[in-house]
Amino acid sequence: MITIVAAVVAVLASILMFGFGKKRFDPAGQFCYIPGGSAGLGKSLAAELVRRGAHVVIVARGAQRAGETVAELKTLAKPDQKILFVTADLSDQVSSARALDEAAASFDGRAPDHVFLCAGMSRPMLFIDTTTEDLKANFDGVYWVSAWTAHAVVQMMVKQKVQGTLTFVSSFLGYTTFAGYSTYTPAKFALRGLADTLRNELLLFGIKVHLYMPAGMLSPGYEEENKTKPKVTQKIEEGDNPISCEAAAAILVKGLERGNYQITNDFVTDLVRVSAKGAVPSNGPLDVVYSIISAIGLPVWRMMTDSQVRASSKQVDADLQARGFYA
């Protein structure tokens, strides 16, 4: 009986919250700002936005790749669309603020309408193999590359009373995690915490916040992370099916059109989302069904993952012995 009542309440809440199929995101003619827009998800998202008529500025560390990306994007654009790039070290607060000012200058100093925080990195390894430099560099390269830009963007939007959108990109691993991601997951959890806070706080100013929580994507970053990924992590992930960045970008835009706060790209992530999302808006009545399935499925997944880690202990021990790790 309680489940039935909850389902009815969820349906009514969904209708009130999301309307009847109305699109809530249309970037045509608007200024979109994409840190991390020269590769991976950011590049595919930039292409999707250009095709939809947006003016796009990407931010990247390297000018050559950024310039090549802009050249590709311009082939998709109409003559009146602005497609530009700026270079910056986004892990640095001053550089992040300067990049935003430089991008805004091309629009008479106006703040962006839509910001997509796609910059990031992943360098998985066992915690015992990390150095203090690894821990700091990974947090800088996952959390601060987005948080510094978000801080500058929010200040600019509020000062100019621009009621735009701010989309953070966390990860499936911002909900739950496992061996090998001690350098990555804490920062992705932190991004989720920042987004959850700002979703509520920026209601003060009419700024909408969204949070994309994708699972694996076939990107240059994915290829790079596999170079350091421990064997136990590979074992846990061996059944995963990463999707293309183009598919992930399309899913993100569709989630924005629906008005979802937390956006996911597969069924398994949705099961984890409903279990771990906290007191943030749901994605509709189907979340009730997901909750029932996750209550059964997630404990099973956890036990399987723990079993895989325990089964790897002898191999890890042998590797450490061979490397002379033990005193």
C-alpha atoms as a PDB file:
ATOM      1  CA  MET A   1       0.000   0.000   0.000  1.00  0.00           C
ATOM      2  CA  ILE A   2       2.788   2.414   0.908  1.00  0.00           C
ATOM      3  CA  THR A   3       4.553   1.660  -2.386  1.00  0.00           C
ATOM      4  CA  ILE A   4       1.369   2.383  -4.370  1.00  0.00           C
ATOM      5  CA  VAL A   5       0.850   5.706  -2.582  1.00  0.00           C
ATOM      6  CA  ALA A   6       4.491   6.634  -3.156  1.00  0.00           C
ATOM      7  CA  ALA A   7       4.135   5.844  -6.854  1.00  0.00           C
ATOM      8  CA  VAL A   8       1.028   8.028  -7.183  1.00  0.00           C
ATOM      9  CA  VAL A   9       2.733  10.899  -5.368  1.00  0.00           C
ATOM     10  CA  ALA A  10       5.797  10.544  -7.611  1.00  0.00           C
ATOM     11  CA  VAL A  11       3.660  10.663 -10.766  1.00  0.00           C
ATOM     12  CA  LEU A  12       1.864  13.815  -9.634  1.00  0.00           C
ATOM     13  CA  ALA A  13       5.147  15.441  -8.596  1.00  0.00           C
ATOM     14  CA  SER A  14       6.672  14.571 -11.943  1.00  0.00           C
ATOM     15  CA  ILE A  15       3.792  16.178 -13.832  1.00  0.00           C
ATOM     16  CA  LEU A  16       4.064  19.347 -11.774  1.00  0.00           C
ATOM     17  CA  MET A  17       7.864  19.442 -11.996  1.00  0.00           C
ATOM     18  CA  PHE A  18       8.485  18.484 -15.591  1.00  0.00           C
ATOM     19  CA  GLY A  19       5.328  19.492 -17.429  1.00  0.00           C
ATOM     20  CA  PHE A  20       4.040  17.655 -20.496  1.00  0.00           C
ATOM     21  CA  GLY A  21       7.023  17.208 -22.786  1.00  0.00           C
ATOM     22  CA  LYS A  22       8.022  20.872 -22.898  1.00  0.00           C
ATOM     23  CA  LYS A  23      11.670  21.418 -23.856  1.00  0.00           C
ATOM     24  CA  ARG A  24      13.487  23.378 -21.183  1.00  0.00           C
ATOM     25  CA  PHE A  25      16.754  23.946 -23.034  1.00  0.00           C
ATOM     26  CA  ASP A  26      17.279  25.619 -26.403  1.00  0.00           C
ATOM     27  CA  PRO A  27      20.797  26.989 -27.027  1.00  0.00           C
ATOM     28  CA  ALA A  28      20.100  28.534 -30.437  1.00  0.00           C
ATOM     29  CA  GLY A  29      21.630  32.003 -30.606  1.00  0.00           C
ATOM     30  CA  GLN A  30      23.016  31.759 -27.067  1.00  0.00           C
ATOM     31  CA  PHE A  31      26.555  31.925 -25.657  1.00  0.00           C
ATOM     32  CA  CYS A  32      27.781  28.499 -24.517  1.00  0.00           C
ATOM     33  CA  TYR A  33      31.059  28.197 -22.629  1.00  0.00           C
ATOM     34  CA  ILE A  34      32.808  24.810 -22.479  1.00  0.00           C
ATOM     35  CA  PRO A  35      35.959  24.342 -20.396  1.00  0.00           C
ATOM     36  CA  GLY A  36      37.477  21.078 -21.611  1.00  0.00           C
ATOM     37  CA  GLY A  37      35.885  21.522 -25.022  1.00  0.00           C
ATOM     38  CA  SER A  38      38.787  20.437 -27.224  1.00  0.00           C
ATOM     39  CA  ALA A  39      38.438  16.668 -26.727  1.00  0.00           C
ATOM     40  CA  GLY A  40      36.173  13.911 -25.462  1.00  0.00           C
ATOM     41  CA  LEU A  41      32.735  14.793 -24.117  1.00  0.00           C
ATOM     42  CA  GLY A  42      33.417  18.535 -24.296  1.00  0.00           C
ATOM     43  CA  LYS A  43      34.265  18.404 -27.991  1.00  0.00           C
ATOM     44  CA  SER A  44      31.222  16.264 -28.838  1.00  0.00           C
ATOM     45  CA  LEU A  45      28.989  18.534 -26.776  1.00  0.00           C
ATOM     46  CA  ALA A  46      30.396  21.601 -28.540  1.00  0.00           C
ATOM     47  CA  ALA A  47      29.550  20.023 -31.901  1.00  0.00           C
ATOM     48  CA  GLU A  48      26.016  19.231 -30.732  1.00  0.00           C
ATOM     49  CA  LEU A  49      25.491  22.800 -29.531  1.00  0.00           C
ATOM     50  CA  VAL A  50      26.894  24.291 -32.739  1.00  0.00           C
ATOM     51  CA  ARG A  51      24.505  22.149 -34.775  1.00  0.00           C
ATOM     52  CA  ARG A  52      21.698  23.553 -32.625  1.00  0.00           C
ATOM     53  CA  GLY A  53      22.685  27.120 -33.470  1.00  0.00           C
ATOM     54  CA  ALA A  54      24.669  28.132 -30.386  1.00  0.00           C
ATOM     55  CA  HIS A  55      27.665  30.452 -30.191  1.00  0.00           C
ATOM     56  CA  VAL A  56      30.420  28.358 -28.584  1.00  0.00           C
ATOM     57  CA  VAL A  57      33.670  29.179 -26.816  1.00  0.00           C
ATOM     58  CA  ILE A  58      35.831  26.256 -25.748  1.00  0.00           C
ATOM     59  CA  VAL A  59      38.673  26.378 -23.230  1.00  0.00           C
ATOM     60  CA  ALA A  60      41.721  24.130 -23.409  1.00  0.00           C
ATOM     61  CA  ARG A  61      45.269  24.047 -22.128  1.00  0.00           C
ATOM     62  CA  GLY A  62      46.829  23.561 -25.571  1.00  0.00           C
ATOM     63  CA  ALA A  63      46.284  26.093 -28.353  1.00  0.00           C
ATOM     64  CA  GLN A  64      46.996  23.694 -31.212  1.00  0.00           C
ATOM     65  CA  ARG A  65      44.330  21.137 -30.367  1.00  0.00           C
ATOM     66  CA  ALA A  66      41.865  23.878 -29.442  1.00  0.00           C
ATOM     67  CA  GLY A  67      42.443  25.581 -32.793  1.00  0.00           C
ATOM     68  CA  GLU A  68      41.953  22.310 -34.662  1.00  0.00           C
ATOM     69  CA  THR A  69      38.706  21.681 -32.782  1.00  0.00           C
ATOM     70  CA  VAL A  70      37.397  25.164 -33.566  1.00  0.00           C
ATOM     71  CA  ALA A  71      38.195  24.618 -37.247  1.00  0.00           C
ATOM     72  CA  GLU A  72      36.109  21.428 -37.177  1.00  0.00           C
ATOM     73  CA  LEU A  73      33.262  23.137 -35.346  1.00  0.00           C
ATOM     74  CA  LYS A  74      33.150  25.972 -37.867  1.00  0.00           C
ATOM     75  CA  THR A  75      32.336  23.465 -40.610  1.00  0.00           C
ATOM     76  CA  LEU A  76      29.097  22.755 -38.707  1.00  0.00           C
ATOM     77  CA  ALA A  77      28.216  26.398 -38.059  1.00  0.00           C
ATOM     78  CA  LYS A  78      26.250  28.996 -39.930  1.00  0.00           C
ATOM     79  CA  PRO A  79      28.087  32.195 -40.935  1.00  0.00           C
ATOM     80  CA  ASP A  80      26.641  34.237 -38.080  1.00  0.00           C
ATOM     81  CA  GLN A  81      27.686  31.811 -35.321  1.00  0.00           C
ATOM     82  CA  LYS A  82      30.717  32.676 -33.180  1.00  0.00           C
ATOM     83  CA  ILE A  83      33.029  29.703 -32.624  1.00  0.00           C
ATOM     84  CA  LEU A  84      36.117  30.597 -30.591  1.00  0.00           C
ATOM     85  CA  PHE A  85      38.682  29.225 -28.174  1.00  0.00           C
ATOM     86  CA  VAL A  86      40.777  30.484 -25.291  1.00  0.00           C
ATOM     87  CA  THR A  87      43.678  28.729 -23.606  1.00  0.00           C
ATOM     88  CA  ALA A  88      44.092  28.377 -19.859  1.00  0.00           C
ATOM     89  CA  ASP A  89      45.340  26.201 -17.033  1.00  0.00           C
ATOM     90  CA  LEU A  90      41.960  25.625 -15.418  1.00  0.00           C
ATOM     91  CA  SER A  91      43.442  24.200 -12.232  1.00  0.00           C
ATOM     92  CA  ASP A  92      44.584  27.738 -11.459  1.00  0.00           C
ATOM     93  CA  GLN A  93      42.069  30.279 -10.118  1.00  0.00           C
ATOM     94  CA  VAL A  94      43.597  33.338 -11.796  1.00  0.00           C
ATOM     95  CA  SER A  95      43.935  31.600 -15.155  1.00  0.00           C
ATOM     96  CA  SER A  96      40.352  30.302 -14.987  1.00  0.00           C
ATOM     97  CA  ALA A  97      38.965  33.777 -14.287  1.00  0.00           C
ATOM     98  CA  ARG A  98      41.077  35.290 -17.060  1.00  0.00           C
ATOM     99  CA  ALA A  99      39.814  32.714 -19.560  1.00  0.00           C
ATOM    100  CA  LEU A 100      36.211  33.557 -18.726  1.00  0.00           C
ATOM    101  CA  ASP A 101      36.857  37.289 -19.097  1.00  0.00           C
ATOM    102  CA  GLU A 102      38.547  36.700 -22.442  1.00  0.00           C
ATOM    103  CA  ALA A 103      35.641  34.623 -23.701  1.00  0.00           C
ATOM    104  CA  ALA A 104      33.061  37.140 -22.485  1.00  0.00           C
ATOM    105  CA  ALA A 105      34.930  39.964 -24.228  1.00  0.00           C
ATOM    106  CA  SER A 106      33.839  38.478 -27.566  1.00  0.00           C
ATOM    107  CA  PHE A 107      30.233  39.031 -26.433  1.00  0.00           C
ATOM    108  CA  ASP A 108      30.687  42.612 -25.219  1.00  0.00           C
ATOM    109  CA  GLY A 109      31.594  41.402 -21.740  1.00  0.00           C
ATOM    110  CA  ARG A 110      28.353  39.490 -21.234  1.00  0.00           C
ATOM    111  CA  ALA A 111      28.303  36.349 -19.098  1.00  0.00           C
ATOM    112  CA  PRO A 112      27.643  33.018 -20.828  1.00  0.00           C
ATOM    113  CA  ASP A 113      24.081  31.749 -21.042  1.00  0.00           C
ATOM    114  CA  HIS A 114      25.141  28.135 -20.575  1.00  0.00           C
ATOM    115  CA  VAL A 115      28.299  26.729 -19.012  1.00  0.00           C
ATOM    116  CA  PHE A 116      29.381  23.076 -19.302  1.00  0.00           C
ATOM    117  CA  LEU A 117      32.208  22.069 -16.991  1.00  0.00           C
ATOM    118  CA  CYS A 118      33.740  19.220 -19.001  1.00  0.00           C
ATOM    119  CA  ALA A 119      37.417  19.581 -18.090  1.00  0.00           C
ATOM    120  CA  GLY A 120      38.966  16.748 -16.128  1.00  0.00           C
ATOM    121  CA  MET A 121      41.297  13.787 -15.953  1.00  0.00           C
ATOM    122  CA  SER A 122      41.494  10.297 -14.488  1.00  0.00           C
ATOM    123  CA  ARG A 123      44.634   8.477 -13.409  1.00  0.00           C
ATOM    124  CA  PRO A 124      43.503   5.425 -11.449  1.00  0.00           C
ATOM    125  CA  MET A 125      45.936   3.563  -9.199  1.00  0.00           C
ATOM    126  CA  LEU A 126      45.991   1.750  -5.881  1.00  0.00           C
ATOM    127  CA  PHE A 127      46.082   4.091  -2.895  1.00  0.00           C
ATOM    128  CA  ILE A 128      49.327   2.539  -1.634  1.00  0.00           C
ATOM    129  CA  ASP A 129      50.972   3.453  -4.946  1.00  0.00           C
ATOM    130  CA  THR A 130      50.014   7.122  -4.834  1.00  0.00           C
ATOM    131  CA  THR A 131      52.354   9.912  -3.860  1.00  0.00           C
ATOM    132  CA  THR A 132      51.291  13.130  -2.197  1.00  0.00           C
ATOM    133  CA  GLU A 133      51.859  14.791  -5.567  1.00  0.00           C
ATOM    134  CA  ASP A 134      49.470  12.302  -7.227  1.00  0.00           C
ATOM    135  CA  LEU A 135      46.737  13.044  -4.714  1.00  0.00           C
ATOM    136  CA  LYS A 136      47.026  16.802  -5.119  1.00  0.00           C
ATOM    137  CA  ALA A 137      47.383  16.743  -8.913  1.00  0.00           C
ATOM    138  CA  ASN A 138      44.342  14.521  -9.336  1.00  0.00           C
ATOM    139  CA  PHE A 139      42.170  16.685  -7.087  1.00  0.00           C
ATOM    140  CA  ASP A 140      43.334  19.771  -8.972  1.00  0.00           C
ATOM    141  CA  GLY A 141      42.659  18.063 -12.298  1.00  0.00           C
ATOM    142  CA  VAL A 142      39.192  16.802 -11.389  1.00  0.00           C
ATOM    143  CA  TYR A 143      37.688  19.232  -8.852  1.00  0.00           C
ATOM    144  CA  TRP A 144      39.422  22.585  -9.113  1.00  0.00           C
ATOM    145  CA  VAL A 145      39.379  22.648 -12.939  1.00  0.00           C
ATOM    146  CA  SER A 146      35.607  22.979 -12.608  1.00  0.00           C
ATOM    147  CA  ALA A 147      35.202  24.696  -9.239  1.00  0.00           C
ATOM    148  CA  TRP A 148      37.360  27.718 -10.124  1.00  0.00           C
ATOM    149  CA  THR A 149      35.416  28.307 -13.339  1.00  0.00           C
ATOM    150  CA  ALA A 150      32.095  27.808 -11.561  1.00  0.00           C
ATOM    151  CA  HIS A 151      33.064  30.431  -8.986  1.00  0.00           C
ATOM    152  CA  ALA A 152      34.006  32.984 -11.635  1.00  0.00           C
ATOM    153  CA  VAL A 153      30.942  32.225 -13.762  1.00  0.00           C
ATOM    154  CA  VAL A 154      28.466  32.510 -10.890  1.00  0.00           C
ATOM    155  CA  GLN A 155      29.921  35.853  -9.851  1.00  0.00           C
ATOM    156  CA  MET A 156      29.654  37.159 -13.424  1.00  0.00           C
ATOM    157  CA  MET A 157      26.127  35.838 -13.960  1.00  0.00           C
ATOM    158  CA  VAL A 158      24.811  37.245 -10.685  1.00  0.00           C
ATOM    159  CA  LYS A 159      26.413  40.669 -11.207  1.00  0.00           C
ATOM    160  CA  GLN A 160      24.867  40.893 -14.676  1.00  0.00           C
ATOM    161  CA  LYS A 161      21.593  39.217 -13.628  1.00  0.00           C
ATOM    162  CA  VAL A 162      22.006  36.554 -16.313  1.00  0.00           C
ATOM    163  CA  GLN A 163      19.704  33.633 -15.520  1.00  0.00           C
ATOM    164  CA  GLY A 164      21.587  30.902 -17.325  1.00  0.00           C
ATOM    165  CA  THR A 165      22.516  27.292 -16.649  1.00  0.00           C
ATOM    166  CA  LEU A 166      25.559  25.725 -15.051  1.00  0.00           C
ATOM    167  CA  THR A 167      26.194  22.051 -15.783  1.00  0.00           C
ATOM    168  CA  PHE A 168      28.727  20.070 -13.782  1.00  0.00           C
ATOM    169  CA  VAL A 169      30.152  16.780 -15.042  1.00  0.00           C
ATOM    170  CA  SER A 170      30.825  14.255 -12.306  1.00  0.00           C
ATOM    171  CA  SER A 171      30.688  10.490 -12.893  1.00  0.00           C
ATOM    172  CA  PHE A 172      29.086   7.179 -11.960  1.00  0.00           C
ATOM    173  CA  LEU A 173      32.006   7.144  -9.523  1.00  0.00           C
ATOM    174  CA  GLY A 174      30.549  10.242  -7.893  1.00  0.00           C
ATOM    175  CA  TYR A 175      27.787   7.967  -6.559  1.00  0.00           C
ATOM    176  CA  THR A 176      29.714   4.851  -5.590  1.00  0.00           C
ATOM    177  CA  THR A 177      33.198   3.512  -6.121  1.00  0.00           C
ATOM    178  CA  PHE A 178      35.638   0.639  -5.813  1.00  0.00           C
ATOM    179  CA  ALA A 179      39.334  -0.270  -5.782  1.00  0.00           C
ATOM    180  CA  GLY A 180      41.638   1.807  -7.937  1.00  0.00           C
ATOM    181  CA  TYR A 181      39.854   5.149  -7.863  1.00  0.00           C
ATOM    182  CA  SER A 182      41.173   6.726  -4.665  1.00  0.00           C
ATOM    183  CA  THR A 183      42.750   9.531  -6.708  1.00  0.00           C
ATOM    184  CA  TYR A 184      39.589  10.224  -8.706  1.00  0.00           C
ATOM    185  CA  THR A 185      36.444   9.491  -6.731  1.00  0.00           C
ATOM    186  CA  PRO A 186      36.955  11.993  -3.859  1.00  0.00           C
ATOM    187  CA  ALA A 187      37.068  14.872  -6.351  1.00  0.00           C
ATOM    188  CA  LYS A 188      34.016  13.584  -8.243  1.00  0.00           C
ATOM    189  CA  PHE A 189      32.105  13.312  -4.959  1.00  0.00           C
ATOM    190  CA  ALA A 190      33.226  16.865  -4.173  1.00  0.00           C
ATOM    191  CA  LEU A 191      31.911  18.104  -7.532  1.00  0.00           C
ATOM    192  CA  ARG A 192      28.589  16.453  -6.833  1.00  0.00           C
ATOM    193  CA  GLY A 193      28.509  18.120  -3.409  1.00  0.00           C
ATOM    194  CA  LEU A 194      29.230  21.514  -4.943  1.00  0.00           C
ATOM    195  CA  ALA A 195      26.562  21.038  -7.607  1.00  0.00           C
ATOM    196  CA  ASP A 196      23.978  19.878  -5.049  1.00  0.00           C
ATOM    197  CA  THR A 197      24.696  22.952  -2.925  1.00  0.00           C
ATOM    198  CA  LEU A 198      24.525  25.393  -5.830  1.00  0.00           C
ATOM    199  CA  ARG A 199      21.349  23.797  -7.234  1.00  0.00           C
ATOM    200  CA  ASN A 200      19.623  25.043  -4.106  1.00  0.00           C
ATOM    201  CA  GLU A 201      21.594  28.230  -3.463  1.00  0.00           C
ATOM    202  CA  LEU A 202      21.366  29.625  -6.996  1.00  0.00           C
ATOM    203  CA  LEU A 203      17.583  29.533  -6.874  1.00  0.00           C
ATOM    204  CA  LEU A 204      18.188  32.926  -5.255  1.00  0.00           C
ATOM    205  CA  PHE A 205      19.260  34.274  -8.639  1.00  0.00           C
ATOM    206  CA  GLY A 206      17.329  32.185 -11.158  1.00  0.00           C
ATOM    207  CA  ILE A 207      20.391  30.225 -12.275  1.00  0.00           C
ATOM    208  CA  LYS A 208      19.691  26.560 -13.044  1.00  0.00           C
ATOM    209  CA  VAL A 209      22.236  23.937 -12.091  1.00  0.00           C
ATOM    210  CA  HIS A 210      22.502  20.485 -13.642  1.00  0.00           C
ATOM    211  CA  LEU A 211      24.738  17.524 -12.866  1.00  0.00           C
ATOM    212  CA  TYR A 212      25.770  14.952 -15.474  1.00  0.00           C
ATOM    213  CA  MET A 213      26.809  11.588 -13.982  1.00  0.00           C
ATOM    214  CA  PRO A 214      28.022   9.504 -16.943  1.00  0.00           C
ATOM    215  CA  ALA A 215      29.468   6.026 -16.852  1.00  0.00           C
ATOM    216  CA  GLY A 216      32.340   5.052 -19.165  1.00  0.00           C
ATOM    217  CA  MET A 217      32.928   6.983 -22.389  1.00  0.00           C
ATOM    218  CA  LEU A 218      35.238   6.095 -25.275  1.00  0.00           C
ATOM    219  CA  SER A 219      37.412   9.199 -25.153  1.00  0.00           C
ATOM    220  CA  PRO A 220      41.110  10.107 -25.163  1.00  0.00           C
ATOM    221  CA  GLY A 221      40.818  10.398 -21.381  1.00  0.00           C
ATOM    222  CA  TYR A 222      39.474   6.851 -21.163  1.00  0.00           C
ATOM    223  CA  GLU A 223      42.415   5.566 -23.170  1.00  0.00           C
ATOM    224  CA  GLU A 224      44.819   7.487 -20.946  1.00  0.00           C
ATOM    225  CA  GLU A 225      43.337   6.176 -17.686  1.00  0.00           C
ATOM    226  CA  ASN A 226      43.680   2.586 -18.870  1.00  0.00           C
ATOM    227  CA  LYS A 227      47.459   3.050 -18.917  1.00  0.00           C
ATOM    228  CA  THR A 228      47.584   3.208 -15.098  1.00  0.00           C
ATOM    229  CA  LYS A 229      44.439   1.258 -14.195  1.00  0.00           C
ATOM    230  CA  PRO A 230      45.195  -1.579 -11.735  1.00  0.00           C
ATOM    231  CA  LYS A 231      44.338  -5.127 -12.745  1.00  0.00           C
ATOM    232  CA  VAL A 232      41.758  -5.439  -9.978  1.00  0.00           C
ATOM    233  CA  THR A 233      39.966  -2.350 -11.324  1.00  0.00           C
ATOM    234  CA  GLN A 234      40.015  -3.762 -14.835  1.00  0.00           C
ATOM    235  CA  LYS A 235      38.501  -6.984 -13.498  1.00  0.00           C
ATOM    236  CA  ILE A 236      35.619  -5.155 -11.833  1.00  0.00           C
ATOM    237  CA  GLU A 237      34.956  -3.141 -15.001  1.00  0.00           C
ATOM    238  CA  GLU A 238      35.349  -5.946 -17.544  1.00  0.00           C
ATOM    239  CA  GLY A 239      31.598  -6.190 -18.171  1.00  0.00           C
ATOM    240  CA  ASP A 240      31.180  -2.449 -18.785  1.00  0.00           C
ATOM    241  CA  ASN A 241      30.217  -1.099 -22.200  1.00  0.00           C
ATOM    242  CA  PRO A 242      31.504   2.465 -22.605  1.00  0.00           C
ATOM    243  CA  ILE A 243      29.550   4.627 -25.031  1.00  0.00           C
ATOM    244  CA  SER A 244      30.833   7.145 -27.552  1.00  0.00           C
ATOM    245  CA  CYS A 245      31.285  10.767 -26.561  1.00  0.00           C
ATOM    246  CA  GLU A 246      28.765  11.720 -29.262  1.00  0.00           C
ATOM    247  CA  ALA A 247      26.138   9.498 -27.659  1.00  0.00           C
ATOM    248  CA  ALA A 248      26.970  10.872 -24.192  1.00  0.00           C
ATOM    249  CA  ALA A 249      26.639  14.476 -25.417  1.00  0.00           C
ATOM    250  CA  ALA A 250      23.251  13.722 -26.971  1.00  0.00           C
ATOM    251  CA  ILE A 251      22.062  12.167 -23.696  1.00  0.00           C
ATOM    252  CA  LEU A 252      23.234  15.216 -21.756  1.00  0.00           C
ATOM    253  CA  VAL A 253      21.353  17.615 -24.026  1.00  0.00           C
ATOM    254  CA  LYS A 254      18.221  15.461 -23.852  1.00  0.00           C
ATOM    255  CA  GLY A 255      18.415  15.546 -20.058  1.00  0.00           C
ATOM    256  CA  LEU A 256      18.638  19.338 -20.145  1.00  0.00           C
ATOM    257  CA  GLU A 257      15.615  19.478 -22.434  1.00  0.00           C
ATOM    258  CA  ARG A 258      13.656  17.382 -19.930  1.00  0.00           C
ATOM    259  CA  GLY A 259      14.751  19.646 -17.093  1.00  0.00           C
ATOM    260  CA  ASN A 260      16.453  16.865 -15.122  1.00  0.00           C
ATOM    261  CA  TYR A 261      18.848  17.897 -12.408  1.00  0.00           C
ATOM    262  CA  GLN A 262      20.881  14.686 -12.268  1.00  0.00           C
ATOM    263  CA  ILE A 263      21.414  13.258 -15.757  1.00  0.00           C
ATOM    264  CA  THR A 264      22.654   9.707 -16.363  1.00  0.00           C
ATOM    265  CA  ASN A 265      23.450   7.668 -19.439  1.00  0.00           C
ATOM    266  CA  ASP A 266      22.516   4.099 -18.521  1.00  0.00           C
ATOM    267  CA  PHE A 267      20.198   1.883 -16.500  1.00  0.00           C
ATOM    268  CA  VAL A 268      22.794   0.794 -13.940  1.00  0.00           C
ATOM    269  CA  THR A 269      23.736   4.389 -13.135  1.00  0.00           C
ATOM    270  CA  ASP A 270      20.058   5.191 -12.643  1.00  0.00           C
ATOM    271  CA  LEU A 271      19.819   2.384 -10.087  1.00  0.00           C
ATOM    272  CA  VAL A 272      22.771   3.829  -8.187  1.00  0.00           C
ATOM    273  CA  ARG A 273      21.409   7.371  -8.600  1.00  0.00           C
ATOM    274  CA  VAL A 274      18.108   6.689  -6.845  1.00  0.00           C
ATOM    275  CA  SER A 275      19.956   4.996  -3.994  1.00  0.00           C
ATOM    276  CA  ALA A 276      22.581   7.705  -3.516  1.00  0.00           C
ATOM    277  CA  LYS A 277      21.110  10.969  -4.848  1.00  0.00           C
ATOM    278  CA  GLY A 278      20.095  12.482  -1.515  1.00  0.00           C
ATOM    279  CA  ALA A 279      17.422  15.174  -1.198  1.00  0.00           C
ATOM    280  CA  VAL A 280      17.577  16.481  -4.768  1.00  0.00           C
ATOM    281  CA  PRO A 281      14.843  16.406  -7.437  1.00  0.00           C
ATOM    282  CA  SER A 282      13.951  13.048  -8.953  1.00  0.00           C
ATOM    283  CA  ASN A 283      13.804  12.333 -12.684  1.00  0.00           C
ATOM    284  CA  GLY A 284      10.164  11.279 -12.629  1.00  0.00           C
ATOM    285  CA  PRO A 285       7.871   8.419 -11.614  1.00  0.00           C
ATOM    286  CA  LEU A 286      10.184   5.743 -12.982  1.00  0.00           C
ATOM    287  CA  ASP A 287      12.484   6.482 -10.046  1.00  0.00           C
ATOM    288  CA  VAL A 288      10.057   4.531  -7.840  1.00  0.00           C
ATOM    289  CA  VAL A 289      10.664   1.432  -9.950  1.00  0.00           C
ATOM    290  CA  TYR A 290      14.405   2.048  -9.962  1.00  0.00           C
ATOM    291  CA  SER A 291      14.350   2.300  -6.165  1.00  0.00           C
ATOM    292  CA  ILE A 292      12.742  -1.122  -5.814  1.00  0.00           C
ATOM    293  CA  ILE A 293      15.211  -2.741  -8.199  1.00  0.00           C
ATOM    294  CA  SER A 294      18.224  -1.023  -6.638  1.00  0.00           C
ATOM    295  CA  ALA A 295      17.226  -2.171  -3.139  1.00  0.00           C
ATOM    296  CA  ILE A 296      17.745  -5.734  -4.377  1.00  0.00           C
ATOM    297  CA  GLY A 297      20.422  -5.305  -7.026  1.00  0.00           C
ATOM    298  CA  LEU A 298      22.951  -2.970  -5.398  1.00  0.00           C
ATOM    299  CA  PRO A 299      23.729  -5.213  -2.383  1.00  0.00           C
ATOM    300  CA  VAL A 300      24.347  -8.057  -4.842  1.00  0.00           C
ATOM    301  CA  TRP A 301      26.647  -5.849  -6.930  1.00  0.00           C
ATOM    302  CA  ARG A 302      28.527  -4.791  -3.788  1.00  0.00           C
ATOM    303  CA  MET A 303      29.060  -8.378  -2.706  1.00  0.00           C
ATOM    304  CA  MET A 304      30.295  -9.316  -6.182  1.00  0.00           C
ATOM    305  CA  THR A 305      32.711  -6.385  -6.218  1.00  0.00           C
ATOM    306  CA  ASP A 306      34.053  -7.201  -2.751  1.00  0.00           C
ATOM    307  CA  SER A 307      34.518 -10.813  -3.850  1.00  0.00           C
ATOM    308  CA  GLN A 308      36.487  -9.716  -6.930  1.00  0.00           C
ATOM    309  CA  VAL A 309      38.768  -7.570  -4.778  1.00  0.00           C
ATOM    310  CA  ARG A 310      39.407 -10.378  -2.296  1.00  0.00           C
ATOM    311  CA  ALA A 311      40.162 -12.765  -5.154  1.00  0.00           C
ATOM    312  CA  SER A 312      42.804 -10.320  -6.410  1.00  0.00           C
ATOM    313  CA  SER A 313      44.631 -10.040  -3.092  1.00  0.00           C
ATOM    314  CA  LYS A 314      47.200 -12.766  -3.823  1.00  0.00           C
ATOM    315  CA  GLN A 315      48.114 -11.228  -7.179  1.00  0.00           C
ATOM    316  CA  VAL A 316      48.463  -7.771  -5.656  1.00  0.00           C
ATOM    317  CA  ASP A 317      50.578  -9.205  -2.842  1.00  0.00           C
ATOM    318  CA  ALA A 318      52.833 -10.960  -5.366  1.00  0.00           C
ATOM    319  CA  ASP A 319      53.221  -7.753  -7.388  1.00  0.00           C
ATOM    320  CA  LEU A 320      54.188  -5.807  -4.269  1.00  0.00           C
ATOM    321  CA  GLN A 321      56.670  -8.482  -3.260  1.00  0.00           C
ATOM    322  CA  ALA A 322      58.254  -8.380  -6.729  1.00  0.00           C
ATOM    323  CA  ARG A 323      58.602  -4.604  -6.546  1.00  0.00           C
ATOM    324  CA  GLY A 324      60.200  -4.728  -3.111  1.00  0.00           C
ATOM    325  CA  PHE A 325      57.371  -2.739  -1.548  1.00  0.00           C
ATOM    326  CA  TYR A 326      57.420  -4.523   1.785  1.00  0.00           C
ATOM    327  CA  ALA A 327      59.965  -3.586   4.417  1.00  0.00           C
END
